[in-house]
């Protein structure tokens, strides 16, 4: 191999388009910028403006909503939990929660809590504390002889009363009997 024989792979080096170099180039005269006016100048960022016509992003209807304070949970499948137990990263005999999973290196950080999902299978008898568990995951853990403790979110008494009031209103509209109000925990 010689220094004068070294070259880039085919297509690796691309020469830039030289605009404004005559009509034969196809990008002469206005250089691909169209006619005169605002968009022919540099530094233009009109961004969706359609000359006074209602722009597309405002013509389309709004759908759904974004939660004000969305909670970001860690998600772990029961298969991944079993794998961590098999790899001896987690002791299956001890209680498992978010902190122990982060300490073991199974999860990167605690976030807002833990959600247990039912993909895979679990053989170990574990006691796990989570914020949410799918029915499939809960059934699989209990089938293996373990237990799933779901952390319950505390609901304010005022919110509970408001919820019961709106449920009674809905029932009155539909003509049915009002649903029994859930008892607030003291």
C-alpha atoms as a PDB file:
ATOM      1  CA  UNK A   1       0.000   0.000   0.000  1.00  0.00           C
ATOM      2  CA  UNK A   2       1.279   3.456  -0.940  1.00  0.00           C
ATOM      3  CA  UNK A   3       0.199   6.858   0.341  1.00  0.00           C
ATOM      4  CA  UNK A   4      -0.668   7.969  -3.181  1.00  0.00           C
ATOM      5  CA  UNK A   5      -2.978   4.946  -3.544  1.00  0.00           C
ATOM      6  CA  UNK A   6      -5.152   5.728  -0.487  1.00  0.00           C
ATOM      7  CA  UNK A   7      -8.625   7.028  -1.322  1.00  0.00           C
ATOM      8  CA  UNK A   8     -12.116   7.153   0.182  1.00  0.00           C
ATOM      9  CA  UNK A   9     -14.716   4.493  -0.509  1.00  0.00           C
ATOM     10  CA  UNK A  10     -17.038   5.174  -3.419  1.00  0.00           C
ATOM     11  CA  UNK A  11     -19.758   7.611  -2.329  1.00  0.00           C
ATOM     12  CA  UNK A  12     -17.986   8.601   0.894  1.00  0.00           C
ATOM     13  CA  UNK A  13     -16.924  12.003  -0.400  1.00  0.00           C
ATOM     14  CA  UNK A  14     -19.741  14.169  -1.703  1.00  0.00           C
ATOM     15  CA  UNK A  15     -18.987  17.519  -3.273  1.00  0.00           C
ATOM     16  CA  UNK A  16     -21.269  20.361  -2.209  1.00  0.00           C
ATOM     17  CA  UNK A  17     -23.728  21.904  -4.643  1.00  0.00           C
ATOM     18  CA  UNK A  18     -22.405  25.240  -5.877  1.00  0.00           C
ATOM     19  CA  UNK A  19     -25.432  27.439  -6.406  1.00  0.00           C
ATOM     20  CA  UNK A  20     -25.622  30.671  -8.358  1.00  0.00           C
ATOM     21  CA  UNK A  21     -23.161  29.546 -11.069  1.00  0.00           C
ATOM     22  CA  UNK A  22     -25.142  30.151 -14.259  1.00  0.00           C
ATOM     23  CA  UNK A  23     -28.257  28.772 -15.927  1.00  0.00           C
ATOM     24  CA  UNK A  24     -26.536  25.575 -17.032  1.00  0.00           C
ATOM     25  CA  UNK A  25     -26.121  24.407 -13.426  1.00  0.00           C
ATOM     26  CA  UNK A  26     -29.872  24.344 -12.806  1.00  0.00           C
ATOM     27  CA  UNK A  27     -29.304  26.435  -9.692  1.00  0.00           C
ATOM     28  CA  UNK A  28     -28.343  29.757 -11.273  1.00  0.00           C
ATOM     29  CA  UNK A  29     -29.869  33.236 -11.038  1.00  0.00           C
ATOM     30  CA  UNK A  30     -31.996  32.966  -7.855  1.00  0.00           C
ATOM     31  CA  UNK A  31     -30.095  29.914  -6.588  1.00  0.00           C
ATOM     32  CA  UNK A  32     -33.157  27.767  -5.823  1.00  0.00           C
ATOM     33  CA  UNK A  33     -34.767  30.421  -3.621  1.00  0.00           C
ATOM     34  CA  UNK A  34     -37.646  31.258  -5.961  1.00  0.00           C
ATOM     35  CA  UNK A  35     -38.574  34.903  -6.583  1.00  0.00           C
ATOM     36  CA  UNK A  36     -37.958  37.975  -4.479  1.00  0.00           C
ATOM     37  CA  UNK A  37     -39.420  38.673  -1.085  1.00  0.00           C
ATOM     38  CA  UNK A  38     -39.002  37.488   2.473  1.00  0.00           C
ATOM     39  CA  UNK A  39     -38.154  33.856   1.742  1.00  0.00           C
ATOM     40  CA  UNK A  40     -35.431  34.857  -0.737  1.00  0.00           C
ATOM     41  CA  UNK A  41     -33.527  36.481   2.123  1.00  0.00           C
ATOM     42  CA  UNK A  42     -31.484  34.743   4.789  1.00  0.00           C
ATOM     43  CA  UNK A  43     -32.708  34.317   8.362  1.00  0.00           C
ATOM     44  CA  UNK A  44     -36.347  33.568   7.534  1.00  0.00           C
ATOM     45  CA  UNK A  45     -38.292  31.264   9.837  1.00  0.00           C
ATOM     46  CA  UNK A  46     -41.960  31.647   9.044  1.00  0.00           C
ATOM     47  CA  UNK A  47     -42.840  28.281  10.602  1.00  0.00           C
ATOM     48  CA  UNK A  48     -46.342  27.284   9.599  1.00  0.00           C
ATOM     49  CA  UNK A  49     -47.571  30.732   8.502  1.00  0.00           C
ATOM     50  CA  UNK A  50     -49.913  30.367   5.530  1.00  0.00           C
ATOM     51  CA  UNK A  51     -50.361  33.980   4.460  1.00  0.00           C
ATOM     52  CA  UNK A  52     -53.209  34.707   6.883  1.00  0.00           C
ATOM     53  CA  UNK A  53     -55.088  31.486   6.073  1.00  0.00           C
ATOM     54  CA  UNK A  54     -55.759  29.413   9.192  1.00  0.00           C
ATOM     55  CA  UNK A  55     -52.623  27.259   9.482  1.00  0.00           C
ATOM     56  CA  UNK A  56     -52.834  23.474   9.371  1.00  0.00           C
ATOM     57  CA  UNK A  57     -51.823  22.981  13.002  1.00  0.00           C
ATOM     58  CA  UNK A  58     -54.781  25.154  14.059  1.00  0.00           C
ATOM     59  CA  UNK A  59     -57.263  23.712  11.552  1.00  0.00           C
ATOM     60  CA  UNK A  60     -56.890  20.190  12.954  1.00  0.00           C
ATOM     61  CA  UNK A  61     -58.950  19.307  16.043  1.00  0.00           C
ATOM     62  CA  UNK A  62     -57.330  18.713  19.391  1.00  0.00           C
ATOM     63  CA  UNK A  63     -57.320  15.124  20.603  1.00  0.00           C
ATOM     64  CA  UNK A  64     -56.777  13.787  24.118  1.00  0.00           C
ATOM     65  CA  UNK A  65     -54.854  15.583  26.809  1.00  0.00           C
ATOM     66  CA  UNK A  66     -51.510  15.590  28.550  1.00  0.00           C
ATOM     67  CA  UNK A  67     -51.560  14.746  32.229  1.00  0.00           C
ATOM     68  CA  UNK A  68     -50.448  17.627  34.419  1.00  0.00           C
ATOM     69  CA  UNK A  69     -48.046  15.599  36.530  1.00  0.00           C
ATOM     70  CA  UNK A  70     -47.506  12.276  34.761  1.00  0.00           C
ATOM     71  CA  UNK A  71     -45.925   9.576  36.885  1.00  0.00           C
ATOM     72  CA  UNK A  72     -42.950   7.807  35.384  1.00  0.00           C
ATOM     73  CA  UNK A  73     -42.715   4.225  36.647  1.00  0.00           C
ATOM     74  CA  UNK A  74     -40.000   1.628  36.222  1.00  0.00           C
ATOM     75  CA  UNK A  75     -41.384  -1.459  34.525  1.00  0.00           C
ATOM     76  CA  UNK A  76     -40.080  -4.956  35.141  1.00  0.00           C
ATOM     77  CA  UNK A  77     -41.328  -8.246  33.771  1.00  0.00           C
ATOM     78  CA  UNK A  78     -41.519 -11.318  35.979  1.00  0.00           C
ATOM     79  CA  UNK A  79     -39.141 -13.041  33.537  1.00  0.00           C
ATOM     80  CA  UNK A  80     -36.484 -10.351  34.132  1.00  0.00           C
ATOM     81  CA  UNK A  81     -37.044 -10.688  37.887  1.00  0.00           C
ATOM     82  CA  UNK A  82     -36.489 -14.469  37.671  1.00  0.00           C
ATOM     83  CA  UNK A  83     -33.348 -13.874  35.562  1.00  0.00           C
ATOM     84  CA  UNK A  84     -31.959 -11.505  38.233  1.00  0.00           C
ATOM     85  CA  UNK A  85     -32.655 -14.133  40.930  1.00  0.00           C
ATOM     86  CA  UNK A  86     -30.973 -16.842  38.819  1.00  0.00           C
ATOM     87  CA  UNK A  87     -27.938 -14.574  38.301  1.00  0.00           C
ATOM     88  CA  UNK A  88     -27.784 -14.133  42.124  1.00  0.00           C
ATOM     89  CA  UNK A  89     -28.136 -10.356  41.827  1.00  0.00           C
ATOM     90  CA  UNK A  90     -31.250 -10.420  44.016  1.00  0.00           C
ATOM     91  CA  UNK A  91     -31.929 -12.600  47.027  1.00  0.00           C
ATOM     92  CA  UNK A  92     -35.351 -14.163  46.383  1.00  0.00           C
ATOM     93  CA  UNK A  93     -35.849 -14.884  50.095  1.00  0.00           C
ATOM     94  CA  UNK A  94     -35.796 -11.206  51.083  1.00  0.00           C
ATOM     95  CA  UNK A  95     -38.504  -8.634  50.360  1.00  0.00           C
ATOM     96  CA  UNK A  96     -38.041  -7.001  46.963  1.00  0.00           C
ATOM     97  CA  UNK A  97     -38.861  -3.364  46.257  1.00  0.00           C
ATOM     98  CA  UNK A  98     -37.604  -0.551  44.019  1.00  0.00           C
ATOM     99  CA  UNK A  99     -34.691   0.327  46.307  1.00  0.00           C
ATOM    100  CA  UNK A 100     -33.396  -3.265  46.392  1.00  0.00           C
ATOM    101  CA  UNK A 101     -33.665  -3.563  42.581  1.00  0.00           C
ATOM    102  CA  UNK A 102     -31.706  -0.312  42.093  1.00  0.00           C
ATOM    103  CA  UNK A 103     -29.091  -1.460  44.619  1.00  0.00           C
ATOM    104  CA  UNK A 104     -28.743  -4.786  42.776  1.00  0.00           C
ATOM    105  CA  UNK A 105     -28.296  -2.987  39.455  1.00  0.00           C
ATOM    106  CA  UNK A 106     -31.451  -4.429  37.878  1.00  0.00           C
ATOM    107  CA  UNK A 107     -32.946  -0.925  37.561  1.00  0.00           C
ATOM    108  CA  UNK A 108     -30.967   2.223  36.893  1.00  0.00           C
ATOM    109  CA  UNK A 109     -32.903   4.620  39.141  1.00  0.00           C
ATOM    110  CA  UNK A 110     -35.988   4.604  41.363  1.00  0.00           C
ATOM    111  CA  UNK A 111     -38.181   7.056  39.339  1.00  0.00           C
ATOM    112  CA  UNK A 112     -41.743   7.285  40.747  1.00  0.00           C
ATOM    113  CA  UNK A 113     -42.130   3.620  41.628  1.00  0.00           C
ATOM    114  CA  UNK A 114     -42.383   0.150  40.131  1.00  0.00           C
ATOM    115  CA  UNK A 115     -44.858  -1.538  37.804  1.00  0.00           C
ATOM    116  CA  UNK A 116     -44.792  -5.355  37.610  1.00  0.00           C
ATOM    117  CA  UNK A 117     -45.617  -6.849  34.209  1.00  0.00           C
ATOM    118  CA  UNK A 118     -46.471 -10.450  33.358  1.00  0.00           C
ATOM    119  CA  UNK A 119     -44.083 -11.328  30.494  1.00  0.00           C
ATOM    120  CA  UNK A 120     -42.037 -14.489  31.109  1.00  0.00           C
ATOM    121  CA  UNK A 121     -42.391 -16.895  33.987  1.00  0.00           C
ATOM    122  CA  UNK A 122     -41.291 -16.936  37.603  1.00  0.00           C
ATOM    123  CA  UNK A 123     -40.387 -20.008  39.657  1.00  0.00           C
ATOM    124  CA  UNK A 124     -38.944 -18.374  42.775  1.00  0.00           C
ATOM    125  CA  UNK A 125     -41.078 -17.663  45.825  1.00  0.00           C
ATOM    126  CA  UNK A 126     -40.754 -13.886  46.168  1.00  0.00           C
ATOM    127  CA  UNK A 127     -42.359 -11.147  48.204  1.00  0.00           C
ATOM    128  CA  UNK A 128     -42.436  -7.972  46.106  1.00  0.00           C
ATOM    129  CA  UNK A 129     -43.744  -4.479  46.851  1.00  0.00           C
ATOM    130  CA  UNK A 130     -44.879  -2.500  43.793  1.00  0.00           C
ATOM    131  CA  UNK A 131     -46.992   0.513  42.867  1.00  0.00           C
ATOM    132  CA  UNK A 132     -48.928  -1.421  40.242  1.00  0.00           C
ATOM    133  CA  UNK A 133     -49.102  -5.041  39.053  1.00  0.00           C
ATOM    134  CA  UNK A 134     -50.934  -6.556  36.111  1.00  0.00           C
ATOM    135  CA  UNK A 135     -53.385  -9.367  36.865  1.00  0.00           C
ATOM    136  CA  UNK A 136     -51.234 -11.844  34.921  1.00  0.00           C
ATOM    137  CA  UNK A 137     -48.087 -10.914  36.870  1.00  0.00           C
ATOM    138  CA  UNK A 138     -49.867 -11.084  40.219  1.00  0.00           C
ATOM    139  CA  UNK A 139     -51.342 -14.508  39.392  1.00  0.00           C
ATOM    140  CA  UNK A 140     -47.942 -15.844  38.281  1.00  0.00           C
ATOM    141  CA  UNK A 141     -46.169 -14.693  41.456  1.00  0.00           C
ATOM    142  CA  UNK A 142     -48.921 -16.110  43.682  1.00  0.00           C
ATOM    143  CA  UNK A 143     -48.878 -19.381  41.723  1.00  0.00           C
ATOM    144  CA  UNK A 144     -45.146 -19.686  42.467  1.00  0.00           C
ATOM    145  CA  UNK A 145     -45.942 -19.260  46.178  1.00  0.00           C
ATOM    146  CA  UNK A 146     -44.960 -15.593  46.470  1.00  0.00           C
ATOM    147  CA  UNK A 147     -46.894 -12.444  47.299  1.00  0.00           C
ATOM    148  CA  UNK A 148     -47.407  -9.069  45.656  1.00  0.00           C
ATOM    149  CA  UNK A 149     -48.033  -6.049  47.875  1.00  0.00           C
ATOM    150  CA  UNK A 150     -49.463  -3.081  45.979  1.00  0.00           C
ATOM    151  CA  UNK A 151     -48.771   0.331  47.514  1.00  0.00           C
ATOM    152  CA  UNK A 152     -52.107   2.089  47.766  1.00  0.00           C
ATOM    153  CA  UNK A 153     -52.343   5.757  46.882  1.00  0.00           C
ATOM    154  CA  UNK A 154     -53.928   7.823  49.628  1.00  0.00           C
ATOM    155  CA  UNK A 155     -57.046   9.644  48.459  1.00  0.00           C
ATOM    156  CA  UNK A 156     -58.105  12.821  50.225  1.00  0.00           C
ATOM    157  CA  UNK A 157     -61.514  12.744  51.878  1.00  0.00           C
ATOM    158  CA  UNK A 158     -62.635  15.813  49.903  1.00  0.00           C
ATOM    159  CA  UNK A 159     -61.730  14.088  46.619  1.00  0.00           C
ATOM    160  CA  UNK A 160     -63.611  10.968  47.699  1.00  0.00           C
ATOM    161  CA  UNK A 161     -66.734  13.022  48.485  1.00  0.00           C
ATOM    162  CA  UNK A 162     -66.483  14.762  45.091  1.00  0.00           C
ATOM    163  CA  UNK A 163     -66.145  11.409  43.331  1.00  0.00           C
ATOM    164  CA  UNK A 164     -69.176   9.989  45.184  1.00  0.00           C
ATOM    165  CA  UNK A 165     -71.210  13.097  44.341  1.00  0.00           C
ATOM    166  CA  UNK A 166     -70.433  12.863  40.608  1.00  0.00           C
ATOM    167  CA  UNK A 167     -71.194   9.109  40.625  1.00  0.00           C
ATOM    168  CA  UNK A 168     -74.597   9.806  42.226  1.00  0.00           C
ATOM    169  CA  UNK A 169     -75.277  12.508  39.625  1.00  0.00           C
ATOM    170  CA  UNK A 170     -74.466  10.099  36.777  1.00  0.00           C
ATOM    171  CA  UNK A 171     -76.695   7.428  38.285  1.00  0.00           C
ATOM    172  CA  UNK A 172     -79.571   9.919  38.630  1.00  0.00           C
ATOM    173  CA  UNK A 173     -79.203  10.909  34.962  1.00  0.00           C
ATOM    174  CA  UNK A 174     -79.272   7.294  33.778  1.00  0.00           C
ATOM    175  CA  UNK A 175     -82.237   6.514  36.009  1.00  0.00           C
ATOM    176  CA  UNK A 176     -80.474   3.754  37.937  1.00  0.00           C
ATOM    177  CA  UNK A 177     -79.635   3.434  41.571  1.00  0.00           C
ATOM    178  CA  UNK A 178     -76.613   5.387  42.829  1.00  0.00           C
ATOM    179  CA  UNK A 179     -73.429   3.371  43.157  1.00  0.00           C
ATOM    180  CA  UNK A 180     -72.316   2.770  46.758  1.00  0.00           C
ATOM    181  CA  UNK A 181     -69.654   5.326  47.719  1.00  0.00           C
ATOM    182  CA  UNK A 182     -66.266   3.902  48.623  1.00  0.00           C
ATOM    183  CA  UNK A 183     -65.360   4.401  52.267  1.00  0.00           C
ATOM    184  CA  UNK A 184     -62.499   6.818  52.880  1.00  0.00           C
ATOM    185  CA  UNK A 185     -59.670   5.442  55.000  1.00  0.00           C
ATOM    186  CA  UNK A 186     -59.025   7.379  58.173  1.00  0.00           C
END
